[in-house]
Amino acid sequence: MKDLKELKAKMLDAHPDKGGSHEAFISARAAYVKEKAHIQMLRERGLIGDLPDDPRPCYYCGNKFLLSNLTYLGDGRFYACKSCLNKPRTKDPHRRN
């Protein structure tokens, strides 16, 4: 995943008003728009938060953890912390109880 700030800076540097060419600006803008749409799609599917280190709640205990400390449970946006995965549970992650 590319950094949007870096792509936006490249787009601004390539702007014709700042000495760049129209072709370079169009190419840089296309790359920026494509990456922005890709990140938005990942956010909508719950695969990333607004920021890479956004904490997410554990489905079972509700405590918030970084994604590196959570396990994705499958359909939807369900994550579980490691301590809850080791406990016996009655809550089904695919069905709200």
Protein backbone atom coordinates (compact mmCIF):
# COMPACT_ATOMS: atom_id res chain seq x y z
CA MET A 1 0.00 0.00 0.00
CA LYS A 2 1.43 3.35 -1.04
CA ASP A 3 1.49 6.46 1.12
CA LEU A 4 -1.19 8.91 0.00
CA LYS A 5 0.81 11.91 1.25
CA GLU A 6 3.75 10.89 -0.95
CA LEU A 7 1.49 10.41 -3.98
CA LYS A 8 -0.20 13.75 -3.36
CA ALA A 9 3.18 15.48 -3.11
CA LYS A 10 4.22 13.93 -6.43
CA MET A 11 0.96 15.10 -7.96
CA LEU A 12 1.51 18.66 -6.71
CA ASP A 13 5.12 18.68 -7.92
CA ALA A 14 4.00 17.57 -11.39
CA HIS A 15 1.35 20.31 -11.64
CA PRO A 16 1.77 22.49 -14.75
CA ASP A 17 1.54 25.69 -12.67
CA LYS A 18 4.63 24.54 -10.79
CA GLY A 19 6.70 23.73 -13.88
CA GLY A 20 5.52 20.18 -14.50
CA SER A 21 3.98 18.79 -17.66
CA HIS A 22 0.33 18.00 -18.21
CA GLU A 23 1.16 14.33 -18.92
CA ALA A 24 3.14 13.97 -15.69
CA PHE A 25 0.34 15.59 -13.69
CA ILE A 26 -2.35 13.39 -15.26
CA SER A 27 -0.27 10.28 -14.57
CA ALA A 28 0.46 11.30 -10.96
CA ARG A 29 -3.18 12.18 -10.34
CA ALA A 30 -4.35 8.84 -11.77
CA ALA A 31 -1.99 6.99 -9.41
CA TYR A 32 -3.25 9.04 -6.45
CA VAL A 33 -6.94 8.52 -7.27
CA LYS A 34 -6.41 4.77 -7.84
CA GLU A 35 -4.62 4.30 -4.50
CA LYS A 36 -7.17 6.43 -2.65
CA ALA A 37 -10.01 4.28 -4.04
CA HIS A 38 -8.13 1.09 -3.07
CA ILE A 39 -7.68 2.31 0.51
CA GLN A 40 -11.35 3.32 0.72
CA MET A 41 -12.40 -0.16 -0.44
CA LEU A 42 -10.21 -1.75 2.25
CA ARG A 43 -11.73 0.54 4.90
CA GLU A 44 -15.27 -0.33 3.82
CA ARG A 45 -14.48 -4.04 4.12
CA GLY A 46 -13.02 -3.48 7.57
CA LEU A 47 -9.60 -4.75 6.57
CA ILE A 48 -7.87 -1.54 7.63
CA GLY A 49 -8.83 1.28 9.94
CA ASP A 50 -8.49 4.95 9.17
CA LEU A 51 -4.85 4.69 10.14
CA PRO A 52 -2.68 1.56 10.06
CA ASP A 53 -2.44 1.55 13.87
CA ASP A 54 -6.08 2.23 14.65
CA PRO A 55 -7.18 0.09 17.59
CA ARG A 56 -10.04 -2.31 16.97
CA PRO A 57 -12.34 -3.83 19.61
CA CYS A 58 -12.21 -7.51 20.45
CA TYR A 59 -15.55 -9.08 19.58
CA TYR A 60 -15.71 -11.00 22.86
CA CYS A 61 -14.33 -8.69 25.56
CA GLY A 62 -14.72 -5.32 23.83
CA ASN A 63 -11.22 -4.12 24.75
CA LYS A 64 -9.38 -2.28 21.99
CA PHE A 65 -6.16 -3.64 20.54
CA LEU A 66 -3.91 -2.89 17.58
CA LEU A 67 -4.59 -5.14 14.60
CA SER A 68 -1.25 -6.88 15.15
CA ASN A 69 -2.62 -8.22 18.45
CA LEU A 70 -5.96 -9.40 17.03
CA THR A 71 -7.05 -12.37 14.96
CA TYR A 72 -9.56 -11.90 12.15
CA LEU A 73 -12.50 -14.26 12.66
CA GLY A 74 -13.95 -14.28 9.17
CA ASP A 75 -17.10 -12.74 7.73
CA GLY A 76 -17.79 -9.18 8.63
CA ARG A 77 -15.54 -7.09 10.82
CA PHE A 78 -14.95 -9.45 13.72
CA TYR A 79 -11.61 -9.58 15.53
CA ALA A 80 -10.63 -11.38 18.72
CA CYS A 81 -7.71 -10.81 21.07
CA LYS A 82 -5.36 -13.67 21.83
CA SER A 83 -6.53 -14.08 25.42
CA CYS A 84 -10.18 -14.45 24.35
CA LEU A 85 -9.27 -17.01 21.70
CA ASN A 86 -7.76 -19.22 24.41
CA LYS A 87 -10.91 -19.12 26.57
CA PRO A 88 -13.95 -21.31 26.02
CA ARG A 89 -16.70 -19.12 24.60
CA THR A 90 -20.38 -19.32 23.81
CA LYS A 91 -20.61 -16.29 21.57
CA ASP A 92 -20.64 -17.11 17.86
CA PRO A 93 -18.70 -14.49 15.86
CA HIS A 94 -20.98 -14.98 12.86
CA ARG A 95 -24.16 -14.30 14.79
CA ARG A 96 -24.96 -11.56 17.25
CA ASN A 97 -26.15 -13.13 20.54
